[in-house]
Amino acid sequence: MNNDSVLEQLCDAADSFYERGYAHGSTGNISVRVEEEVWVTPTGQSLRGLSPERLARLDAGGNQLNANKPSKEYPFHLAIYRQRPEARAVVHLHSTYAVALSCLESFEGDESLQPLTPYYFMRVAPLAVLPYFRPGSTRLAGAIEETAAAHHSILLRNHGLICAGSTLSEAADRAEELEQAARLHFILRGERTRALSPADVEELLDTFVRKLS
């Protein structure tokens, strides 16, 4: 797949997230790594209606290679790529249910989520939950860098979600599945639910997670 196709896919994914309400206003950012360069959605702009010509182009050290200014969150994108050599895409969204989940004082990650569907374990788990840091801060990027080696899915307190993948499709799938898990958490609160058994979960981990790690 050539570079133009990858960048067009990024713009299509960004537009899709916006149209489906996973991002609003100028929130959220997406990046792809192409060889040794990283392309990031621009700062202060909506994910809706982007084109490859408007994306910011960076080298691995964060130096700008074109005139477009990247999202202020680009340092944590670069941090994830440093920690995960296989990663080729990072998706950061302020999707409603994931943000709501991040605001629950009682939420502690996987232990706070009932094992309701196999797809959470196949695509998201393990989920790291980081404390609140100011968006765009070096402390946020540093905390993400420490966490990213062992987690491809991260929830930022009072902020949103981050998912990395070996392809843009994989990163997007993880982000969508995390948002869906958060949505189910709120829809089913107070209801009697049937959760997967510990044996069911172990089978999923052995089949879809541990075998691939």
N, C-alpha and C. Protein backbone atom coordinates (compact mmCIF):
# COMPACT_ATOMS: atom_id res chain seq x y z
N MET A 1 0.85 -1.19 0.00
CA MET A 1 0.00 0.00 0.00
C MET A 1 0.89 1.25 0.00
N ASN A 2 0.64 2.21 -0.90
CA ASN A 2 1.48 3.39 -0.97
C ASN A 2 1.09 4.42 0.08
N ASN A 3 1.97 5.40 0.25
CA ASN A 3 1.75 6.42 1.28
C ASN A 3 0.45 7.17 1.10
N ASP A 4 0.11 7.52 -0.15
CA ASP A 4 -1.12 8.26 -0.41
C ASP A 4 -2.34 7.50 0.07
N SER A 5 -2.35 6.18 -0.15
CA SER A 5 -3.49 5.37 0.28
C SER A 5 -3.63 5.37 1.79
N VAL A 6 -2.49 5.27 2.50
CA VAL A 6 -2.52 5.27 3.97
C VAL A 6 -3.06 6.60 4.49
N LEU A 7 -2.62 7.69 3.90
CA LEU A 7 -3.08 9.01 4.36
C LEU A 7 -4.55 9.23 4.03
N GLU A 8 -4.99 8.73 2.92
CA GLU A 8 -6.42 8.83 2.58
C GLU A 8 -7.26 8.00 3.54
N GLN A 9 -6.74 6.84 3.96
CA GLN A 9 -7.44 6.02 4.94
C GLN A 9 -7.55 6.75 6.27
N LEU A 10 -6.47 7.43 6.66
CA LEU A 10 -6.51 8.21 7.90
C LEU A 10 -7.63 9.25 7.84
N CYS A 11 -7.70 9.98 6.73
CA CYS A 11 -8.72 11.02 6.59
C CYS A 11 -10.13 10.43 6.57
N ASP A 12 -10.28 9.29 5.91
CA ASP A 12 -11.59 8.62 5.88
C ASP A 12 -11.99 8.17 7.28
N ALA A 13 -11.04 7.62 8.05
CA ALA A 13 -11.34 7.17 9.40
C ALA A 13 -11.71 8.36 10.29
N ALA A 14 -10.96 9.45 10.16
CA ALA A 14 -11.24 10.65 10.94
C ALA A 14 -12.65 11.16 10.66
N ASP A 15 -13.01 11.21 9.39
CA ASP A 15 -14.34 11.68 9.00
C ASP A 15 -15.42 10.76 9.55
N SER A 16 -15.18 9.46 9.50
CA SER A 16 -16.15 8.49 10.01
C SER A 16 -16.34 8.64 11.52
N PHE A 17 -15.25 8.82 12.25
CA PHE A 17 -15.38 9.02 13.70
C PHE A 17 -16.22 10.26 14.00
N TYR A 18 -15.97 11.33 13.27
CA TYR A 18 -16.72 12.56 13.51
C TYR A 18 -18.20 12.37 13.20
N GLU A 19 -18.49 11.80 12.05
CA GLU A 19 -19.88 11.64 11.62
C GLU A 19 -20.67 10.74 12.57
N ARG A 20 -20.00 9.79 13.22
CA ARG A 20 -20.69 8.87 14.13
C ARG A 20 -20.68 9.35 15.58
N GLY A 21 -20.15 10.55 15.82
CA GLY A 21 -20.19 11.11 17.16
C GLY A 21 -19.08 10.65 18.08
N TYR A 22 -18.05 10.00 17.54
CA TYR A 22 -16.92 9.59 18.37
C TYR A 22 -15.98 10.76 18.64
N ALA A 23 -16.10 11.82 17.89
CA ALA A 23 -15.34 13.05 18.10
C ALA A 23 -16.28 14.21 17.82
N HIS A 24 -16.03 15.32 18.49
CA HIS A 24 -16.88 16.49 18.30
C HIS A 24 -16.01 17.75 18.31
N GLY A 25 -16.51 18.82 17.70
CA GLY A 25 -15.72 20.04 17.64
C GLY A 25 -14.36 19.77 17.03
N SER A 26 -13.32 20.20 17.73
CA SER A 26 -11.96 19.95 17.24
C SER A 26 -11.25 18.91 18.12
N THR A 27 -12.03 18.07 18.80
CA THR A 27 -11.43 17.07 19.69
C THR A 27 -10.95 15.85 18.91
N GLY A 28 -10.05 15.10 19.54
CA GLY A 28 -9.56 13.86 18.98
C GLY A 28 -8.42 14.08 18.00
N ASN A 29 -7.57 13.06 17.88
CA ASN A 29 -6.48 13.11 16.92
C ASN A 29 -6.06 11.70 16.54
N ILE A 30 -5.53 11.57 15.35
CA ILE A 30 -5.15 10.27 14.79
C ILE A 30 -3.78 10.42 14.13
N SER A 31 -2.99 9.37 14.19
CA SER A 31 -1.71 9.39 13.48
C SER A 31 -1.45 8.05 12.83
N VAL A 32 -0.60 8.07 11.81
CA VAL A 32 -0.09 6.83 11.21
C VAL A 32 1.42 6.98 11.07
N ARG A 33 2.11 5.85 11.19
CA ARG A 33 3.55 5.84 10.97
C ARG A 33 3.81 5.19 9.62
N VAL A 34 4.50 5.92 8.76
CA VAL A 34 4.85 5.44 7.43
C VAL A 34 6.37 5.44 7.33
N GLU A 35 6.93 4.24 7.36
CA GLU A 35 8.38 4.09 7.43
C GLU A 35 8.88 4.81 8.67
N GLU A 36 9.73 5.83 8.54
CA GLU A 36 10.27 6.52 9.72
C GLU A 36 9.58 7.85 9.98
N GLU A 37 8.50 8.12 9.29
CA GLU A 37 7.78 9.38 9.47
C GLU A 37 6.41 9.14 10.08
N VAL A 38 5.91 10.16 10.79
CA VAL A 38 4.60 10.09 11.42
C VAL A 38 3.74 11.22 10.87
N TRP A 39 2.55 10.87 10.44
CA TRP A 39 1.57 11.84 9.95
C TRP A 39 0.45 11.96 10.97
N VAL A 40 0.16 13.21 11.37
CA VAL A 40 -0.77 13.47 12.46
C VAL A 40 -1.84 14.46 12.01
N THR A 41 -3.04 14.30 12.52
CA THR A 41 -4.09 15.27 12.23
C THR A 41 -3.69 16.64 12.80
N PRO A 42 -4.11 17.72 12.16
CA PRO A 42 -3.64 19.06 12.54
C PRO A 42 -4.31 19.59 13.80
N THR A 43 -3.63 20.50 14.47
CA THR A 43 -4.14 21.07 15.69
C THR A 43 -5.31 22.02 15.43
N GLY A 44 -6.24 22.04 16.39
CA GLY A 44 -7.33 23.00 16.34
C GLY A 44 -8.32 22.82 15.22
N GLN A 45 -8.31 21.65 14.58
CA GLN A 45 -9.22 21.41 13.46
C GLN A 45 -10.06 20.16 13.71
N SER A 46 -11.25 20.18 13.20
CA SER A 46 -12.15 19.04 13.31
C SER A 46 -11.60 17.84 12.55
N LEU A 47 -11.98 16.65 13.00
CA LEU A 47 -11.64 15.44 12.26
C LEU A 47 -12.49 15.30 10.99
N ARG A 48 -13.48 16.14 10.87
CA ARG A 48 -14.37 16.08 9.71
C ARG A 48 -13.74 16.75 8.49
N GLY A 49 -13.82 16.08 7.35
CA GLY A 49 -13.44 16.68 6.09
C GLY A 49 -11.97 16.94 5.87
N LEU A 50 -11.10 16.17 6.55
CA LEU A 50 -9.67 16.36 6.36
C LEU A 50 -9.23 15.78 5.01
N SER A 51 -8.12 16.29 4.51
CA SER A 51 -7.49 15.76 3.30
C SER A 51 -6.01 15.53 3.61
N PRO A 52 -5.34 14.66 2.87
CA PRO A 52 -3.91 14.41 3.13
C PRO A 52 -3.06 15.67 3.13
N GLU A 53 -3.44 16.67 2.33
CA GLU A 53 -2.64 17.89 2.24
C GLU A 53 -2.66 18.69 3.53
N ARG A 54 -3.62 18.43 4.41
CA ARG A 54 -3.74 19.18 5.66
C ARG A 54 -3.10 18.47 6.85
N LEU A 55 -2.59 17.26 6.64
CA LEU A 55 -1.97 16.52 7.73
C LEU A 55 -0.57 17.04 8.02
N ALA A 56 -0.18 16.96 9.30
CA ALA A 56 1.17 17.36 9.71
C ALA A 56 2.11 16.16 9.53
N ARG A 57 3.30 16.45 9.05
CA ARG A 57 4.31 15.42 8.79
C ARG A 57 5.50 15.64 9.72
N LEU A 58 5.84 14.60 10.50
CA LEU A 58 6.91 14.70 11.49
C LEU A 58 7.93 13.60 11.28
N ASP A 59 9.16 13.86 11.75
CA ASP A 59 10.11 12.76 11.82
C ASP A 59 10.00 12.12 13.21
N ALA A 60 10.77 11.07 13.46
CA ALA A 60 10.65 10.33 14.72
C ALA A 60 10.98 11.17 15.93
N GLY A 61 11.73 12.25 15.73
CA GLY A 61 12.08 13.13 16.84
C GLY A 61 11.08 14.25 17.07
N GLY A 62 10.02 14.30 16.27
CA GLY A 62 9.01 15.33 16.42
C GLY A 62 9.27 16.60 15.63
N ASN A 63 10.28 16.60 14.78
CA ASN A 63 10.57 17.77 13.95
C ASN A 63 9.58 17.84 12.79
N GLN A 64 9.04 19.04 12.54
CA GLN A 64 8.06 19.22 11.47
C GLN A 64 8.73 19.14 10.11
N LEU A 65 8.09 18.40 9.20
CA LEU A 65 8.62 18.22 7.85
C LEU A 65 7.75 18.89 6.80
N ASN A 66 6.66 19.51 7.25
CA ASN A 66 5.86 20.33 6.34
C ASN A 66 5.31 21.52 7.13
N ALA A 67 4.50 22.34 6.49
CA ALA A 67 4.04 23.58 7.13
C ALA A 67 2.85 23.39 8.06
N ASN A 68 2.27 22.20 8.12
CA ASN A 68 1.07 21.98 8.92
C ASN A 68 1.43 21.69 10.38
N LYS A 69 0.78 22.39 11.29
CA LYS A 69 1.06 22.23 12.71
C LYS A 69 0.31 21.03 13.26
N PRO A 70 1.00 20.10 13.92
CA PRO A 70 0.32 18.89 14.40
C PRO A 70 -0.50 19.13 15.65
N SER A 71 -1.37 18.22 15.95
CA SER A 71 -2.10 18.24 17.22
C SER A 71 -1.14 18.42 18.37
N LYS A 72 -1.57 19.15 19.40
CA LYS A 72 -0.71 19.35 20.57
C LYS A 72 -0.42 18.04 21.29
N GLU A 73 -1.19 16.97 20.96
CA GLU A 73 -0.98 15.67 21.60
C GLU A 73 0.07 14.82 20.86
N TYR A 74 0.69 15.37 19.84
CA TYR A 74 1.63 14.54 19.06
C TYR A 74 2.73 13.90 19.90
N PRO A 75 3.19 14.53 21.03
CA PRO A 75 4.25 13.85 21.80
C PRO A 75 3.86 12.47 22.30
N PHE A 76 2.59 12.27 22.68
CA PHE A 76 2.26 10.92 23.14
C PHE A 76 2.10 9.94 21.98
N HIS A 77 1.78 10.42 20.81
CA HIS A 77 1.77 9.54 19.64
C HIS A 77 3.19 9.02 19.40
N LEU A 78 4.16 9.92 19.42
CA LEU A 78 5.55 9.52 19.21
C LEU A 78 6.02 8.59 20.33
N ALA A 79 5.57 8.85 21.55
CA ALA A 79 5.95 8.00 22.68
C ALA A 79 5.45 6.57 22.48
N ILE A 80 4.24 6.42 21.99
CA ILE A 80 3.69 5.08 21.75
C ILE A 80 4.48 4.38 20.65
N TYR A 81 4.82 5.09 19.60
CA TYR A 81 5.60 4.46 18.53
C TYR A 81 6.99 4.03 19.01
N ARG A 82 7.56 4.80 19.93
CA ARG A 82 8.86 4.39 20.48
C ARG A 82 8.75 3.10 21.27
N GLN A 83 7.66 2.95 22.00
CA GLN A 83 7.49 1.79 22.86
C GLN A 83 6.93 0.57 22.14
N ARG A 84 6.22 0.78 21.05
CA ARG A 84 5.58 -0.33 20.34
C ARG A 84 6.07 -0.34 18.88
N PRO A 85 7.15 -1.03 18.60
CA PRO A 85 7.70 -1.05 17.24
C PRO A 85 6.72 -1.53 16.19
N GLU A 86 5.77 -2.39 16.60
CA GLU A 86 4.81 -2.93 15.63
C GLU A 86 3.69 -1.94 15.31
N ALA A 87 3.53 -0.90 16.12
CA ALA A 87 2.42 0.03 15.95
C ALA A 87 2.60 0.87 14.69
N ARG A 88 1.54 0.99 13.93
CA ARG A 88 1.56 1.82 12.74
C ARG A 88 0.45 2.87 12.77
N ALA A 89 -0.36 2.87 13.83
CA ALA A 89 -1.43 3.86 13.94
C ALA A 89 -1.82 4.04 15.40
N VAL A 90 -2.22 5.27 15.73
CA VAL A 90 -2.71 5.60 17.07
C VAL A 90 -3.98 6.43 16.91
N VAL A 91 -5.01 6.04 17.65
CA VAL A 91 -6.30 6.74 17.62
C VAL A 91 -6.59 7.28 19.02
N HIS A 92 -6.85 8.58 19.11
CA HIS A 92 -7.23 9.21 20.38
C HIS A 92 -8.57 9.89 20.19
N LEU A 93 -9.57 9.47 20.98
CA LEU A 93 -10.93 10.00 20.84
C LEU A 93 -11.46 10.48 22.19
N HIS A 94 -12.39 11.45 22.12
CA HIS A 94 -13.13 11.89 23.29
C HIS A 94 -14.57 11.37 23.17
N SER A 95 -14.71 10.11 22.86
CA SER A 95 -16.04 9.52 22.66
C SER A 95 -16.80 9.50 23.98
N THR A 96 -18.12 9.70 23.90
CA THR A 96 -18.94 10.04 25.07
C THR A 96 -18.85 9.02 26.20
N TYR A 97 -19.07 7.75 25.91
CA TYR A 97 -19.13 6.76 26.99
C TYR A 97 -17.76 6.47 27.58
N ALA A 98 -16.73 6.48 26.75
CA ALA A 98 -15.39 6.27 27.27
C ALA A 98 -14.98 7.43 28.18
N VAL A 99 -15.32 8.66 27.78
CA VAL A 99 -15.02 9.81 28.64
C VAL A 99 -15.81 9.71 29.94
N ALA A 100 -17.09 9.33 29.84
CA ALA A 100 -17.89 9.17 31.05
C ALA A 100 -17.27 8.14 31.98
N LEU A 101 -16.80 7.04 31.41
CA LEU A 101 -16.14 6.00 32.20
C LEU A 101 -14.90 6.56 32.89
N SER A 102 -14.15 7.38 32.17
CA SER A 102 -12.92 7.94 32.72
C SER A 102 -13.17 8.91 33.86
N CYS A 103 -14.40 9.38 33.98
CA CYS A 103 -14.76 10.32 35.04
C CYS A 103 -15.29 9.63 36.30
N LEU A 104 -15.51 8.33 36.24
CA LEU A 104 -16.00 7.59 37.41
C LEU A 104 -14.85 7.36 38.38
N GLU A 105 -14.99 7.88 39.58
CA GLU A 105 -13.93 7.73 40.58
C GLU A 105 -13.68 6.26 40.91
N SER A 106 -14.73 5.45 40.81
CA SER A 106 -14.62 4.04 41.19
C SER A 106 -14.02 3.16 40.10
N PHE A 107 -13.86 3.71 38.88
CA PHE A 107 -13.42 2.87 37.78
C PHE A 107 -11.93 2.58 37.86
N GLU A 108 -11.56 1.30 37.75
CA GLU A 108 -10.16 0.90 37.88
C GLU A 108 -9.71 -0.01 36.74
N GLY A 109 -10.32 0.13 35.60
CA GLY A 109 -9.88 -0.65 34.45
C GLY A 109 -10.60 -1.98 34.33
N ASP A 110 -9.87 -3.00 33.87
CA ASP A 110 -10.48 -4.30 33.58
C ASP A 110 -11.26 -4.85 34.77
N GLU A 111 -10.77 -4.65 36.00
CA GLU A 111 -11.43 -5.19 37.18
C GLU A 111 -12.79 -4.57 37.42
N SER A 112 -13.00 -3.37 36.88
CA SER A 112 -14.29 -2.68 37.05
C SER A 112 -15.28 -2.97 35.94
N LEU A 113 -14.83 -3.67 34.89
CA LEU A 113 -15.72 -4.00 33.78
C LEU A 113 -16.12 -5.47 33.86
N GLN A 114 -17.41 -5.72 33.82
CA GLN A 114 -17.85 -7.11 33.76
C GLN A 114 -17.43 -7.71 32.42
N PRO A 115 -17.04 -8.99 32.41
CA PRO A 115 -16.67 -9.64 31.15
C PRO A 115 -17.93 -10.02 30.36
N LEU A 116 -18.49 -9.05 29.65
CA LEU A 116 -19.79 -9.24 29.00
C LEU A 116 -19.67 -9.82 27.60
N THR A 117 -18.67 -9.42 26.84
CA THR A 117 -18.55 -9.91 25.47
C THR A 117 -17.12 -10.40 25.22
N PRO A 118 -16.95 -11.34 24.30
CA PRO A 118 -15.60 -11.80 23.99
C PRO A 118 -14.75 -10.75 23.29
N TYR A 119 -15.39 -9.79 22.62
CA TYR A 119 -14.65 -8.86 21.78
C TYR A 119 -13.81 -7.89 22.59
N TYR A 120 -14.23 -7.58 23.82
CA TYR A 120 -13.41 -6.73 24.67
C TYR A 120 -12.05 -7.38 24.91
N PHE A 121 -12.05 -8.68 25.16
CA PHE A 121 -10.79 -9.39 25.43
C PHE A 121 -9.99 -9.63 24.16
N MET A 122 -10.68 -9.77 23.06
CA MET A 122 -10.00 -10.01 21.79
C MET A 122 -9.35 -8.74 21.24
N ARG A 123 -9.92 -7.57 21.54
CA ARG A 123 -9.46 -6.34 20.89
C ARG A 123 -8.90 -5.29 21.84
N VAL A 124 -9.38 -5.24 23.08
CA VAL A 124 -9.03 -4.13 23.97
C VAL A 124 -8.09 -4.54 25.10
N ALA A 125 -8.49 -5.52 25.87
CA ALA A 125 -7.77 -5.87 27.10
C ALA A 125 -6.32 -6.25 26.83
N PRO A 126 -5.43 -5.94 27.78
CA PRO A 126 -5.66 -5.25 29.05
C PRO A 126 -5.76 -3.74 28.88
N LEU A 127 -6.64 -3.12 29.66
CA LEU A 127 -6.85 -1.68 29.58
C LEU A 127 -6.12 -0.99 30.72
N ALA A 128 -5.25 -0.05 30.39
CA ALA A 128 -4.57 0.77 31.40
C ALA A 128 -5.39 2.02 31.67
N VAL A 129 -5.42 2.46 32.91
CA VAL A 129 -6.11 3.71 33.28
C VAL A 129 -5.07 4.64 33.91
N LEU A 130 -4.86 5.79 33.27
CA LEU A 130 -3.86 6.75 33.75
C LEU A 130 -4.53 7.90 34.47
N PRO A 131 -3.85 8.48 35.47
CA PRO A 131 -4.41 9.66 36.16
C PRO A 131 -4.50 10.85 35.22
N TYR A 132 -5.19 11.88 35.68
CA TYR A 132 -5.37 13.06 34.84
C TYR A 132 -4.07 13.86 34.73
N PHE A 133 -3.76 14.26 33.49
CA PHE A 133 -2.69 15.20 33.20
C PHE A 133 -3.24 16.21 32.19
N ARG A 134 -2.71 17.40 32.21
CA ARG A 134 -3.17 18.41 31.25
C ARG A 134 -2.93 17.92 29.83
N PRO A 135 -3.93 18.05 28.95
CA PRO A 135 -3.74 17.66 27.55
C PRO A 135 -2.56 18.38 26.93
N GLY A 136 -1.72 17.62 26.22
CA GLY A 136 -0.57 18.19 25.56
C GLY A 136 0.66 18.35 26.43
N SER A 137 0.56 17.98 27.71
CA SER A 137 1.69 18.18 28.62
C SER A 137 2.74 17.10 28.46
N THR A 138 3.97 17.46 28.85
CA THR A 138 5.05 16.47 28.80
C THR A 138 4.82 15.37 29.83
N ARG A 139 4.16 15.69 30.94
CA ARG A 139 3.86 14.67 31.94
C ARG A 139 2.90 13.62 31.38
N LEU A 140 1.94 14.06 30.58
CA LEU A 140 1.02 13.11 29.95
C LEU A 140 1.77 12.19 29.00
N ALA A 141 2.61 12.77 28.15
CA ALA A 141 3.38 11.96 27.20
C ALA A 141 4.29 10.98 27.93
N GLY A 142 4.90 11.43 29.04
CA GLY A 142 5.78 10.56 29.80
C GLY A 142 5.04 9.39 30.43
N ALA A 143 3.86 9.67 30.99
CA ALA A 143 3.06 8.60 31.60
C ALA A 143 2.61 7.59 30.55
N ILE A 144 2.23 8.07 29.39
CA ILE A 144 1.81 7.17 28.31
C ILE A 144 2.98 6.34 27.83
N GLU A 145 4.15 6.95 27.72
CA GLU A 145 5.32 6.19 27.27
C GLU A 145 5.64 5.05 28.23
N GLU A 146 5.52 5.28 29.54
CA GLU A 146 5.78 4.24 30.53
C GLU A 146 4.78 3.10 30.43
N THR A 147 3.56 3.42 30.01
CA THR A 147 2.46 2.45 30.00
C THR A 147 2.34 1.70 28.69
N ALA A 148 2.73 2.35 27.59
CA ALA A 148 2.42 1.82 26.25
C ALA A 148 3.11 0.51 25.92
N ALA A 149 4.25 0.23 26.53
CA ALA A 149 4.95 -1.02 26.21
C ALA A 149 4.10 -2.24 26.52
N ALA A 150 3.29 -2.16 27.57
CA ALA A 150 2.49 -3.31 28.00
C ALA A 150 1.01 -3.18 27.65
N HIS A 151 0.61 -2.05 27.07
CA HIS A 151 -0.81 -1.82 26.79
C HIS A 151 -0.99 -1.13 25.45
N HIS A 152 -1.90 -1.66 24.62
CA HIS A 152 -2.24 -0.97 23.39
C HIS A 152 -3.54 -0.19 23.53
N SER A 153 -4.18 -0.30 24.72
CA SER A 153 -5.42 0.44 24.99
C SER A 153 -5.26 1.17 26.32
N ILE A 154 -5.52 2.48 26.31
CA ILE A 154 -5.31 3.31 27.49
C ILE A 154 -6.51 4.24 27.66
N LEU A 155 -6.96 4.37 28.90
CA LEU A 155 -8.02 5.33 29.22
C LEU A 155 -7.41 6.42 30.08
N LEU A 156 -7.59 7.67 29.66
CA LEU A 156 -7.04 8.82 30.37
C LEU A 156 -8.13 9.42 31.25
N ARG A 157 -7.87 9.54 32.54
CA ARG A 157 -8.85 10.10 33.46
C ARG A 157 -9.33 11.47 32.99
N ASN A 158 -10.67 11.63 32.99
CA ASN A 158 -11.30 12.91 32.65
C ASN A 158 -10.87 13.44 31.28
N HIS A 159 -10.63 12.51 30.36
CA HIS A 159 -10.08 12.95 29.07
C HIS A 159 -10.60 12.12 27.90
N GLY A 160 -10.19 10.85 27.80
CA GLY A 160 -10.62 10.06 26.66
C GLY A 160 -9.80 8.80 26.51
N LEU A 161 -9.90 8.18 25.34
CA LEU A 161 -9.24 6.90 25.10
C LEU A 161 -8.12 7.03 24.09
N ILE A 162 -7.17 6.10 24.17
CA ILE A 162 -6.09 5.97 23.19
C ILE A 162 -5.96 4.50 22.85
N CYS A 163 -5.90 4.19 21.56
CA CYS A 163 -5.69 2.82 21.12
C CYS A 163 -4.65 2.81 20.00
N ALA A 164 -3.73 1.86 20.08
CA ALA A 164 -2.70 1.69 19.05
C ALA A 164 -2.93 0.38 18.32
N GLY A 165 -2.44 0.29 17.09
CA GLY A 165 -2.59 -0.95 16.33
C GLY A 165 -1.51 -1.09 15.28
N SER A 166 -1.35 -2.32 14.81
CA SER A 166 -0.37 -2.58 13.75
C SER A 166 -0.85 -2.04 12.41
N THR A 167 -2.14 -1.72 12.33
CA THR A 167 -2.73 -1.04 11.18
C THR A 167 -3.72 -0.01 11.71
N LEU A 168 -4.12 0.92 10.86
CA LEU A 168 -5.13 1.90 11.26
C LEU A 168 -6.44 1.20 11.56
N SER A 169 -6.78 0.19 10.77
CA SER A 169 -8.01 -0.55 11.00
C SER A 169 -8.02 -1.20 12.38
N GLU A 170 -6.89 -1.77 12.78
CA GLU A 170 -6.81 -2.42 14.09
C GLU A 170 -6.95 -1.39 15.21
N ALA A 171 -6.28 -0.27 15.10
CA ALA A 171 -6.39 0.77 16.12
C ALA A 171 -7.82 1.29 16.22
N ALA A 172 -8.47 1.49 15.06
CA ALA A 172 -9.85 1.97 15.05
C ALA A 172 -10.79 0.94 15.66
N ASP A 173 -10.60 -0.33 15.33
CA ASP A 173 -11.43 -1.39 15.90
C ASP A 173 -11.34 -1.39 17.42
N ARG A 174 -10.12 -1.24 17.93
CA ARG A 174 -9.94 -1.23 19.39
C ARG A 174 -10.66 -0.04 20.02
N ALA A 175 -10.52 1.13 19.40
CA ALA A 175 -11.18 2.31 19.93
C ALA A 175 -12.70 2.15 19.94
N GLU A 176 -13.25 1.62 18.87
CA GLU A 176 -14.69 1.42 18.79
C GLU A 176 -15.17 0.38 19.80
N GLU A 177 -14.37 -0.68 19.98
CA GLU A 177 -14.77 -1.72 20.94
C GLU A 177 -14.69 -1.21 22.37
N LEU A 178 -13.71 -0.37 22.68
CA LEU A 178 -13.62 0.21 24.02
C LEU A 178 -14.81 1.14 24.28
N GLU A 179 -15.17 1.94 23.29
CA GLU A 179 -16.35 2.80 23.45
C GLU A 179 -17.62 1.96 23.65
N GLN A 180 -17.73 0.86 22.93
CA GLN A 180 -18.90 -0.01 23.08
C GLN A 180 -18.93 -0.67 24.46
N ALA A 181 -17.77 -1.10 24.96
CA ALA A 181 -17.71 -1.69 26.30
C ALA A 181 -18.13 -0.67 27.36
N ALA A 182 -17.69 0.58 27.18
CA ALA A 182 -18.09 1.63 28.12
C ALA A 182 -19.59 1.89 28.04
N ARG A 183 -20.11 1.87 26.83
CA ARG A 183 -21.56 2.09 26.65
C ARG A 183 -22.36 0.98 27.33
N LEU A 184 -21.95 -0.27 27.15
CA LEU A 184 -22.64 -1.38 27.80
C LEU A 184 -22.57 -1.26 29.32
N HIS A 185 -21.43 -0.79 29.81
CA HIS A 185 -21.26 -0.62 31.26
C HIS A 185 -22.35 0.28 31.83
N PHE A 186 -22.63 1.39 31.13
CA PHE A 186 -23.64 2.32 31.63
C PHE A 186 -25.06 1.84 31.37
N ILE A 187 -25.30 1.25 30.21
CA ILE A 187 -26.64 0.78 29.88
C ILE A 187 -27.10 -0.30 30.86
N LEU A 188 -26.18 -1.16 31.27
CA LEU A 188 -26.54 -2.32 32.08
C LEU A 188 -26.31 -2.13 33.58
N ARG A 189 -25.92 -0.94 33.98
CA ARG A 189 -25.71 -0.70 35.42
C ARG A 189 -27.03 -0.91 36.17
N GLY A 190 -26.96 -1.72 37.22
CA GLY A 190 -28.15 -2.01 38.01
C GLY A 190 -28.98 -3.16 37.50
N GLU A 191 -28.66 -3.67 36.30
CA GLU A 191 -29.39 -4.80 35.74
C GLU A 191 -28.69 -6.11 36.10
N ARG A 192 -29.44 -7.18 36.11
CA ARG A 192 -28.85 -8.50 36.30
C ARG A 192 -28.30 -8.95 34.95
N THR A 193 -27.02 -9.21 34.90
CA THR A 193 -26.38 -9.56 33.63
C THR A 193 -25.76 -10.95 33.70
N ARG A 194 -25.60 -11.54 32.53
CA ARG A 194 -24.86 -12.79 32.43
C ARG A 194 -23.48 -12.47 31.89
N ALA A 195 -22.46 -12.68 32.70
CA ALA A 195 -21.09 -12.41 32.29
C ALA A 195 -20.41 -13.69 31.82
N LEU A 196 -19.35 -13.55 31.07
CA LEU A 196 -18.54 -14.70 30.70
C LEU A 196 -17.91 -15.29 31.96
N SER A 197 -17.75 -16.58 31.96
CA SER A 197 -17.14 -17.24 33.11
C SER A 197 -15.63 -17.05 33.08
N PRO A 198 -14.94 -17.24 34.22
CA PRO A 198 -13.47 -17.18 34.20
C PRO A 198 -12.85 -18.12 33.17
N ALA A 199 -13.46 -19.30 33.00
CA ALA A 199 -12.94 -20.25 32.01
C ALA A 199 -13.12 -19.70 30.59
N ASP A 200 -14.26 -19.05 30.35
CA ASP A 200 -14.49 -18.43 29.03
C ASP A 200 -13.43 -17.37 28.73
N VAL A 201 -13.13 -16.56 29.74
CA VAL A 201 -12.15 -15.50 29.58
C VAL A 201 -10.76 -16.09 29.32
N GLU A 202 -10.38 -17.11 30.08
CA GLU A 202 -9.08 -17.74 29.89
C GLU A 202 -8.94 -18.32 28.48
N GLU A 203 -10.01 -18.93 27.98
CA GLU A 203 -9.98 -19.48 26.63
C GLU A 203 -9.76 -18.38 25.60
N LEU A 204 -10.43 -17.25 25.78
CA LEU A 204 -10.25 -16.13 24.86
C LEU A 204 -8.83 -15.60 24.90
N LEU A 205 -8.29 -15.44 26.10
CA LEU A 205 -6.93 -14.93 26.25
C LEU A 205 -5.92 -15.87 25.60
N ASP A 206 -6.10 -17.17 25.82
CA ASP A 206 -5.18 -18.14 25.24
C ASP A 206 -5.27 -18.17 23.71
N THR A 207 -6.48 -17.98 23.21
CA THR A 207 -6.70 -18.10 21.76
C THR A 207 -6.34 -16.83 21.00
N PHE A 208 -6.74 -15.68 21.55
CA PHE A 208 -6.62 -14.44 20.78
C PHE A 208 -5.59 -13.44 21.30
N VAL A 209 -5.10 -13.61 22.52
CA VAL A 209 -4.20 -12.61 23.08
C VAL A 209 -2.81 -13.19 23.34
N ARG A 210 -2.71 -14.19 24.20
CA ARG A 210 -1.39 -14.71 24.57
C ARG A 210 -0.69 -15.36 23.40
N LYS A 211 -1.43 -16.04 22.53
CA LYS A 211 -0.84 -16.71 21.38
C LYS A 211 -0.22 -15.72 20.41
N LEU A 212 -0.74 -14.48 20.40
CA LEU A 212 -0.26 -13.48 19.45
C LEU A 212 0.80 -12.56 20.04
N SER A 213 1.03 -12.65 21.34
CA SER A 213 1.96 -11.72 21.99
C SER A 213 3.37 -12.30 22.02
